[in-house]
Amino acid sequence: MNRTRAILFTFVISGMLLTACGGKESAAGHQHGADSERYETTASLTVMPEFLSSYTDNTQATYATVAELEDIIKEIKCYCGCMDEETGYHDSLHRCFIAESKDGEVKWTDHGAQCGICLTELQDAKRLHDEGKSVEEIKEFIDNKYKGTES
């Protein structure tokens, strides 16, 4: 009986992650979009927003990789369902972490912190970059791994 519960629990958690944050209310009960995101401006990419203090060390460490991977994640499609190519509001994985950059200042968003797919895509990009993969190889990996999870 415990094994059955463990399997059921695994499926429920997996479903919640795959529901992600595609502009609809997720299984976790939160809504993503311009009105539900929290924003904070810092002096640079290397200064993390204070809102991260309410997230796990893993989430904080993942956000800290944005500066190193900024050019790469601008090229990667996000598969959580947030992308809106028509308006350009969310046009890449980059936008899941940074709303805008202007005059050296960075307007961070907590969108990525609230979404397991966004965080995992960024972690995959970091791992592949560290392995010496090209931007094209990273994009291909992300597309192949996540395109089936798009809402």
N, C-alpha and C. Protein backbone atom coordinates (compact mmCIF):
# COMPACT_ATOMS: atom_id res chain seq x y z
N MET A 1 0.82 -1.19 0.00
CA MET A 1 0.00 0.00 0.00
C MET A 1 0.87 1.26 0.00
N ASN A 2 1.96 1.28 0.76
CA ASN A 2 2.84 2.44 0.79
C ASN A 2 3.46 2.71 -0.57
N ARG A 3 3.79 1.64 -1.28
CA ARG A 3 4.37 1.81 -2.61
C ARG A 3 3.36 2.47 -3.55
N THR A 4 2.11 2.07 -3.46
CA THR A 4 1.06 2.66 -4.29
C THR A 4 0.91 4.14 -3.98
N ARG A 5 0.94 4.50 -2.73
CA ARG A 5 0.86 5.91 -2.35
C ARG A 5 2.06 6.69 -2.86
N ALA A 6 3.24 6.10 -2.78
CA ALA A 6 4.46 6.76 -3.27
C ALA A 6 4.37 7.02 -4.76
N ILE A 7 3.87 6.05 -5.50
CA ILE A 7 3.73 6.20 -6.95
C ILE A 7 2.69 7.28 -7.26
N LEU A 8 1.57 7.25 -6.56
CA LEU A 8 0.55 8.27 -6.76
C LEU A 8 1.08 9.66 -6.44
N PHE A 9 1.80 9.78 -5.34
CA PHE A 9 2.39 11.06 -4.95
C PHE A 9 3.34 11.56 -6.04
N THR A 10 4.16 10.67 -6.59
CA THR A 10 5.09 11.04 -7.66
C THR A 10 4.34 11.57 -8.88
N PHE A 11 3.25 10.92 -9.25
CA PHE A 11 2.46 11.38 -10.40
C PHE A 11 1.83 12.74 -10.13
N VAL A 12 1.34 12.95 -8.92
CA VAL A 12 0.74 14.24 -8.58
C VAL A 12 1.77 15.36 -8.66
N ILE A 13 2.94 15.15 -8.08
CA ILE A 13 4.01 16.16 -8.12
C ILE A 13 4.44 16.41 -9.56
N SER A 14 4.61 15.35 -10.34
CA SER A 14 5.00 15.51 -11.75
C SER A 14 3.96 16.33 -12.50
N GLY A 15 2.70 16.05 -12.25
CA GLY A 15 1.64 16.81 -12.90
C GLY A 15 1.67 18.28 -12.54
N MET A 16 1.97 18.56 -11.28
CA MET A 16 2.05 19.96 -10.85
C MET A 16 3.19 20.66 -11.56
N LEU A 17 4.33 20.00 -11.70
CA LEU A 17 5.46 20.63 -12.38
C LEU A 17 5.16 20.84 -13.85
N LEU A 18 4.51 19.87 -14.48
CA LEU A 18 4.23 20.00 -15.90
C LEU A 18 3.13 21.02 -16.17
N THR A 19 2.25 21.25 -15.20
CA THR A 19 1.24 22.28 -15.36
C THR A 19 1.92 23.63 -15.44
N ALA A 20 2.99 23.77 -14.69
CA ALA A 20 3.88 24.94 -14.73
C ALA A 20 3.14 26.24 -14.56
N CYS A 21 3.43 27.18 -15.46
CA CYS A 21 2.97 28.54 -15.21
C CYS A 21 2.53 29.23 -16.48
N GLY A 22 1.84 28.56 -17.32
CA GLY A 22 1.50 29.08 -18.63
C GLY A 22 0.38 30.09 -18.68
N GLY A 23 0.42 31.12 -17.84
CA GLY A 23 -0.57 32.17 -17.92
C GLY A 23 -1.92 31.76 -17.34
N LYS A 24 -2.01 30.56 -16.83
CA LYS A 24 -3.23 30.07 -16.21
C LYS A 24 -2.90 29.77 -14.76
N GLU A 25 -3.93 29.54 -14.00
CA GLU A 25 -3.67 29.15 -12.62
C GLU A 25 -3.08 27.75 -12.64
N SER A 26 -1.99 27.57 -11.92
CA SER A 26 -1.32 26.28 -11.89
C SER A 26 -1.95 25.40 -10.84
N ALA A 27 -1.53 24.13 -10.84
CA ALA A 27 -2.01 23.20 -9.83
C ALA A 27 -1.62 23.66 -8.43
N ALA A 28 -0.57 24.44 -8.32
CA ALA A 28 -0.15 24.94 -7.01
C ALA A 28 -0.99 26.14 -6.58
N GLY A 29 -1.88 26.60 -7.47
CA GLY A 29 -2.79 27.66 -7.10
C GLY A 29 -2.27 29.07 -7.33
N HIS A 30 -1.22 29.23 -8.11
CA HIS A 30 -0.76 30.59 -8.37
C HIS A 30 -0.89 30.92 -9.85
N GLN A 31 -1.00 32.19 -10.13
CA GLN A 31 -1.20 32.71 -11.47
C GLN A 31 0.07 33.42 -11.92
N HIS A 32 0.46 33.22 -13.17
CA HIS A 32 1.61 33.94 -13.70
C HIS A 32 1.15 34.95 -14.73
N GLY A 33 1.91 35.99 -14.88
CA GLY A 33 1.61 37.06 -15.82
C GLY A 33 2.08 38.37 -15.23
N ALA A 34 2.00 39.42 -16.01
CA ALA A 34 2.52 40.72 -15.60
C ALA A 34 1.96 41.17 -14.25
N ASP A 35 0.69 40.88 -14.00
CA ASP A 35 0.08 41.34 -12.76
C ASP A 35 0.44 40.49 -11.55
N SER A 36 0.88 39.26 -11.78
CA SER A 36 1.18 38.38 -10.65
C SER A 36 2.67 38.27 -10.35
N GLU A 37 3.50 38.79 -11.25
CA GLU A 37 4.94 38.72 -11.02
C GLU A 37 5.37 39.81 -10.04
N ARG A 38 6.39 39.49 -9.27
CA ARG A 38 6.98 40.48 -8.37
C ARG A 38 8.26 40.97 -9.03
N TYR A 39 8.51 42.25 -8.96
CA TYR A 39 9.66 42.86 -9.61
C TYR A 39 10.54 43.58 -8.60
N GLU A 40 11.83 43.63 -8.91
CA GLU A 40 12.76 44.39 -8.08
C GLU A 40 13.94 44.81 -8.95
N THR A 41 14.32 46.06 -8.85
CA THR A 41 15.43 46.58 -9.63
C THR A 41 16.68 46.61 -8.76
N THR A 42 17.79 46.12 -9.33
CA THR A 42 19.08 46.17 -8.66
C THR A 42 20.08 46.91 -9.54
N ALA A 43 21.23 47.20 -8.97
CA ALA A 43 22.24 48.00 -9.67
C ALA A 43 22.90 47.26 -10.84
N SER A 44 22.87 45.92 -10.82
CA SER A 44 23.52 45.16 -11.89
C SER A 44 23.06 43.70 -11.86
N LEU A 45 23.54 42.94 -12.84
CA LEU A 45 23.25 41.51 -12.90
C LEU A 45 23.86 40.73 -11.74
N THR A 46 24.89 41.27 -11.14
CA THR A 46 25.55 40.55 -10.06
C THR A 46 24.95 40.85 -8.69
N VAL A 47 24.01 41.79 -8.64
CA VAL A 47 23.33 42.10 -7.39
C VAL A 47 21.95 41.43 -7.44
N MET A 48 21.78 40.41 -6.61
CA MET A 48 20.55 39.64 -6.62
C MET A 48 19.43 40.40 -5.92
N PRO A 49 18.19 40.20 -6.38
CA PRO A 49 17.05 40.88 -5.75
C PRO A 49 16.75 40.31 -4.36
N GLU A 50 16.26 41.16 -3.50
CA GLU A 50 15.92 40.75 -2.13
C GLU A 50 14.80 39.71 -2.09
N PHE A 51 13.90 39.73 -3.07
CA PHE A 51 12.79 38.78 -3.03
C PHE A 51 13.27 37.33 -3.04
N LEU A 52 14.50 37.09 -3.51
CA LEU A 52 15.02 35.72 -3.53
C LEU A 52 15.24 35.16 -2.13
N SER A 53 15.31 36.02 -1.12
CA SER A 53 15.54 35.53 0.24
C SER A 53 14.40 34.63 0.72
N SER A 54 13.24 34.70 0.09
CA SER A 54 12.13 33.85 0.48
C SER A 54 12.09 32.54 -0.31
N TYR A 55 13.10 32.31 -1.14
CA TYR A 55 13.19 31.08 -1.94
C TYR A 55 14.36 30.23 -1.45
N THR A 56 14.42 29.00 -1.94
CA THR A 56 15.45 28.06 -1.52
C THR A 56 16.84 28.49 -1.98
N ASP A 57 17.85 27.91 -1.35
CA ASP A 57 19.24 28.16 -1.77
C ASP A 57 19.43 27.75 -3.22
N ASN A 58 18.78 26.67 -3.65
CA ASN A 58 18.89 26.20 -5.02
C ASN A 58 18.36 27.25 -6.00
N THR A 59 17.22 27.84 -5.68
CA THR A 59 16.65 28.89 -6.54
C THR A 59 17.57 30.10 -6.58
N GLN A 60 18.10 30.49 -5.44
CA GLN A 60 19.01 31.63 -5.38
C GLN A 60 20.27 31.37 -6.22
N ALA A 61 20.82 30.16 -6.11
CA ALA A 61 22.01 29.81 -6.89
C ALA A 61 21.71 29.79 -8.38
N THR A 62 20.53 29.33 -8.74
CA THR A 62 20.15 29.31 -10.15
C THR A 62 20.03 30.72 -10.70
N TYR A 63 19.40 31.62 -9.97
CA TYR A 63 19.32 33.03 -10.39
C TYR A 63 20.72 33.63 -10.55
N ALA A 64 21.65 33.24 -9.69
CA ALA A 64 23.00 33.79 -9.76
C ALA A 64 23.72 33.41 -11.05
N THR A 65 23.22 32.41 -11.78
CA THR A 65 23.85 32.02 -13.05
C THR A 65 23.39 32.87 -14.22
N VAL A 66 22.36 33.68 -14.01
CA VAL A 66 21.81 34.49 -15.11
C VAL A 66 22.87 35.40 -15.72
N ALA A 67 23.70 36.02 -14.91
CA ALA A 67 24.72 36.94 -15.43
C ALA A 67 25.66 36.21 -16.40
N GLU A 68 26.09 35.03 -16.01
CA GLU A 68 27.01 34.25 -16.84
C GLU A 68 26.36 33.77 -18.13
N LEU A 69 25.08 33.48 -18.07
CA LEU A 69 24.39 32.86 -19.20
C LEU A 69 23.45 33.81 -19.95
N GLU A 70 23.51 35.09 -19.66
CA GLU A 70 22.54 36.03 -20.21
C GLU A 70 22.42 35.93 -21.73
N ASP A 71 23.52 35.96 -22.45
CA ASP A 71 23.45 35.90 -23.91
C ASP A 71 22.86 34.58 -24.41
N ILE A 72 23.13 33.51 -23.70
CA ILE A 72 22.62 32.19 -24.10
C ILE A 72 21.12 32.10 -23.86
N ILE A 73 20.67 32.50 -22.67
CA ILE A 73 19.25 32.31 -22.36
C ILE A 73 18.34 33.28 -23.14
N LYS A 74 18.92 34.30 -23.73
CA LYS A 74 18.14 35.16 -24.64
C LYS A 74 17.78 34.40 -25.91
N GLU A 75 18.53 33.35 -26.21
CA GLU A 75 18.33 32.55 -27.42
C GLU A 75 17.46 31.32 -27.19
N ILE A 76 17.13 31.03 -25.94
CA ILE A 76 16.43 29.79 -25.60
C ILE A 76 14.95 30.07 -25.39
N LYS A 77 14.14 29.22 -25.98
CA LYS A 77 12.69 29.31 -25.79
C LYS A 77 12.34 28.72 -24.43
N CYS A 78 11.40 29.35 -23.74
CA CYS A 78 10.89 28.80 -22.48
C CYS A 78 9.68 27.94 -22.80
N TYR A 79 9.61 26.79 -22.18
CA TYR A 79 8.53 25.85 -22.45
C TYR A 79 7.52 25.73 -21.32
N CYS A 80 7.48 26.68 -20.42
CA CYS A 80 6.50 26.60 -19.33
C CYS A 80 5.13 27.10 -19.78
N GLY A 81 5.06 27.71 -20.92
CA GLY A 81 3.81 28.24 -21.42
C GLY A 81 3.71 29.75 -21.30
N CYS A 82 4.75 30.39 -20.81
CA CYS A 82 4.71 31.84 -20.58
C CYS A 82 5.00 32.65 -21.84
N MET A 83 5.62 32.03 -22.83
CA MET A 83 6.08 32.80 -23.99
C MET A 83 4.90 33.37 -24.76
N ASP A 84 5.05 34.62 -25.16
CA ASP A 84 4.04 35.32 -25.93
C ASP A 84 4.78 36.02 -27.07
N GLU A 85 4.99 35.28 -28.14
CA GLU A 85 5.77 35.82 -29.25
C GLU A 85 5.03 36.95 -29.97
N GLU A 86 3.72 36.98 -29.85
CA GLU A 86 2.93 38.02 -30.51
C GLU A 86 3.21 39.40 -29.92
N THR A 87 3.20 39.50 -28.60
CA THR A 87 3.43 40.79 -27.96
C THR A 87 4.89 40.98 -27.55
N GLY A 88 5.63 39.88 -27.47
CA GLY A 88 7.03 39.96 -27.04
C GLY A 88 7.18 40.09 -25.54
N TYR A 89 6.06 39.97 -24.80
CA TYR A 89 6.11 40.11 -23.34
C TYR A 89 7.09 39.10 -22.73
N HIS A 90 6.90 37.85 -23.04
CA HIS A 90 7.88 36.81 -22.67
C HIS A 90 8.39 36.25 -23.98
N ASP A 91 9.62 36.58 -24.33
CA ASP A 91 10.14 36.19 -25.64
C ASP A 91 11.27 35.16 -25.56
N SER A 92 11.67 34.79 -24.35
CA SER A 92 12.76 33.82 -24.18
C SER A 92 12.86 33.43 -22.71
N LEU A 93 13.72 32.47 -22.43
CA LEU A 93 13.97 32.07 -21.05
C LEU A 93 14.53 33.25 -20.24
N HIS A 94 15.26 34.11 -20.88
CA HIS A 94 15.83 35.30 -20.23
C HIS A 94 14.74 36.11 -19.52
N ARG A 95 13.60 36.29 -20.19
CA ARG A 95 12.52 37.10 -19.65
C ARG A 95 11.88 36.48 -18.41
N CYS A 96 12.08 35.20 -18.19
CA CYS A 96 11.55 34.53 -17.01
C CYS A 96 12.28 34.97 -15.74
N PHE A 97 13.45 35.60 -15.91
CA PHE A 97 14.27 36.02 -14.78
C PHE A 97 14.50 37.53 -14.76
N ILE A 98 14.57 38.13 -15.92
CA ILE A 98 14.83 39.57 -16.03
C ILE A 98 13.75 40.21 -16.89
N ALA A 99 13.03 41.16 -16.30
CA ALA A 99 11.98 41.86 -17.03
C ALA A 99 12.58 42.86 -18.00
N GLU A 100 13.63 43.57 -17.56
CA GLU A 100 14.32 44.51 -18.44
C GLU A 100 15.64 44.95 -17.82
N SER A 101 16.51 45.43 -18.69
CA SER A 101 17.79 46.02 -18.26
C SER A 101 17.89 47.38 -18.92
N LYS A 102 18.29 48.36 -18.11
CA LYS A 102 18.39 49.71 -18.67
C LYS A 102 19.46 50.47 -17.90
N ASP A 103 20.38 51.06 -18.62
CA ASP A 103 21.45 51.87 -18.03
C ASP A 103 22.20 51.11 -16.94
N GLY A 104 22.41 49.82 -17.15
CA GLY A 104 23.16 49.00 -16.20
C GLY A 104 22.31 48.41 -15.09
N GLU A 105 21.13 49.00 -14.84
CA GLU A 105 20.24 48.47 -13.81
C GLU A 105 19.44 47.29 -14.38
N VAL A 106 19.06 46.39 -13.48
CA VAL A 106 18.34 45.19 -13.88
C VAL A 106 17.02 45.12 -13.12
N LYS A 107 15.93 44.97 -13.85
CA LYS A 107 14.62 44.75 -13.24
C LYS A 107 14.35 43.25 -13.27
N TRP A 108 14.52 42.62 -12.10
CA TRP A 108 14.33 41.18 -11.94
C TRP A 108 12.85 40.86 -11.78
N THR A 109 12.46 39.65 -12.16
CA THR A 109 11.12 39.15 -11.92
C THR A 109 11.21 37.81 -11.20
N ASP A 110 10.21 37.52 -10.38
CA ASP A 110 10.19 36.24 -9.68
C ASP A 110 9.49 35.15 -10.49
N HIS A 111 9.15 35.44 -11.74
CA HIS A 111 8.49 34.43 -12.58
C HIS A 111 9.26 33.12 -12.58
N GLY A 112 10.55 33.17 -12.84
CA GLY A 112 11.37 31.95 -12.88
C GLY A 112 11.44 31.24 -11.54
N ALA A 113 11.43 31.99 -10.47
CA ALA A 113 11.50 31.40 -9.13
C ALA A 113 10.25 30.60 -8.80
N GLN A 114 9.14 30.96 -9.41
CA GLN A 114 7.86 30.30 -9.15
C GLN A 114 7.62 29.10 -10.06
N CYS A 115 8.51 28.85 -10.99
CA CYS A 115 8.24 27.86 -12.03
C CYS A 115 9.36 26.83 -12.14
N GLY A 116 9.03 25.58 -11.87
CA GLY A 116 10.01 24.51 -11.95
C GLY A 116 10.60 24.31 -13.33
N ILE A 117 9.81 24.52 -14.37
CA ILE A 117 10.33 24.35 -15.73
C ILE A 117 11.35 25.43 -16.05
N CYS A 118 11.05 26.68 -15.72
CA CYS A 118 12.00 27.77 -15.97
C CYS A 118 13.32 27.51 -15.24
N LEU A 119 13.25 27.14 -13.98
CA LEU A 119 14.46 26.88 -13.19
C LEU A 119 15.25 25.71 -13.77
N THR A 120 14.55 24.64 -14.14
CA THR A 120 15.25 23.46 -14.65
C THR A 120 15.87 23.74 -16.02
N GLU A 121 15.19 24.50 -16.86
CA GLU A 121 15.78 24.86 -18.15
C GLU A 121 17.08 25.65 -17.94
N LEU A 122 17.05 26.61 -17.01
CA LEU A 122 18.25 27.40 -16.74
C LEU A 122 19.36 26.52 -16.17
N GLN A 123 19.02 25.60 -15.29
CA GLN A 123 20.02 24.68 -14.74
C GLN A 123 20.62 23.80 -15.83
N ASP A 124 19.78 23.32 -16.75
CA ASP A 124 20.28 22.53 -17.88
C ASP A 124 21.22 23.36 -18.75
N ALA A 125 20.83 24.60 -19.03
CA ALA A 125 21.68 25.48 -19.85
C ALA A 125 23.03 25.69 -19.18
N LYS A 126 23.03 25.89 -17.88
CA LYS A 126 24.28 26.09 -17.13
C LYS A 126 25.16 24.84 -17.23
N ARG A 127 24.57 23.68 -16.99
CA ARG A 127 25.34 22.42 -17.04
C ARG A 127 25.95 22.21 -18.43
N LEU A 128 25.16 22.42 -19.47
CA LEU A 128 25.64 22.23 -20.83
C LEU A 128 26.72 23.26 -21.19
N HIS A 129 26.52 24.49 -20.75
CA HIS A 129 27.54 25.53 -20.98
C HIS A 129 28.85 25.13 -20.31
N ASP A 130 28.75 24.65 -19.08
CA ASP A 130 29.95 24.22 -18.35
C ASP A 130 30.64 23.03 -19.01
N GLU A 131 29.86 22.22 -19.75
CA GLU A 131 30.42 21.09 -20.49
C GLU A 131 31.03 21.53 -21.83
N GLY A 132 30.94 22.82 -22.14
CA GLY A 132 31.53 23.35 -23.36
C GLY A 132 30.63 23.29 -24.57
N LYS A 133 29.33 23.07 -24.38
CA LYS A 133 28.41 22.99 -25.50
C LYS A 133 28.17 24.39 -26.09
N SER A 134 27.93 24.42 -27.40
CA SER A 134 27.64 25.68 -28.08
C SER A 134 26.21 26.11 -27.79
N VAL A 135 25.89 27.36 -28.14
CA VAL A 135 24.53 27.87 -27.96
C VAL A 135 23.56 27.00 -28.77
N GLU A 136 23.93 26.65 -29.97
CA GLU A 136 23.05 25.82 -30.80
C GLU A 136 22.82 24.45 -30.18
N GLU A 137 23.86 23.85 -29.61
CA GLU A 137 23.71 22.55 -28.96
C GLU A 137 22.82 22.66 -27.72
N ILE A 138 22.96 23.75 -26.98
CA ILE A 138 22.13 23.96 -25.80
C ILE A 138 20.67 24.15 -26.21
N LYS A 139 20.43 24.98 -27.23
CA LYS A 139 19.07 25.19 -27.72
C LYS A 139 18.45 23.88 -28.18
N GLU A 140 19.19 23.08 -28.91
CA GLU A 140 18.68 21.81 -29.41
C GLU A 140 18.31 20.87 -28.25
N PHE A 141 19.17 20.82 -27.24
CA PHE A 141 18.90 19.98 -26.07
C PHE A 141 17.62 20.44 -25.38
N ILE A 142 17.51 21.74 -25.11
CA ILE A 142 16.34 22.29 -24.42
C ILE A 142 15.08 22.03 -25.24
N ASP A 143 15.13 22.29 -26.54
CA ASP A 143 13.96 22.06 -27.39
C ASP A 143 13.54 20.60 -27.35
N ASN A 144 14.48 19.69 -27.47
CA ASN A 144 14.16 18.27 -27.48
C ASN A 144 13.63 17.79 -26.13
N LYS A 145 14.17 18.32 -25.05
CA LYS A 145 13.76 17.86 -23.71
C LYS A 145 12.41 18.43 -23.30
N TYR A 146 12.12 19.69 -23.62
CA TYR A 146 10.97 20.37 -23.05
C TYR A 146 9.80 20.60 -24.00
N LYS A 147 9.98 20.45 -25.29
CA LYS A 147 8.88 20.81 -26.18
C LYS A 147 7.61 20.02 -25.93
N GLY A 148 7.71 18.87 -25.35
CA GLY A 148 6.52 18.09 -25.02
C GLY A 148 5.79 18.57 -23.79
N THR A 149 6.39 19.50 -23.02
CA THR A 149 5.75 19.97 -21.79
C THR A 149 5.03 21.29 -21.98
N GLU A 150 5.11 21.83 -23.18
CA GLU A 150 4.51 23.16 -23.43
C GLU A 150 3.00 23.09 -23.26
N SER A 151 2.46 24.12 -22.60
CA SER A 151 1.00 24.18 -22.36
C SER A 151 0.29 24.66 -23.60
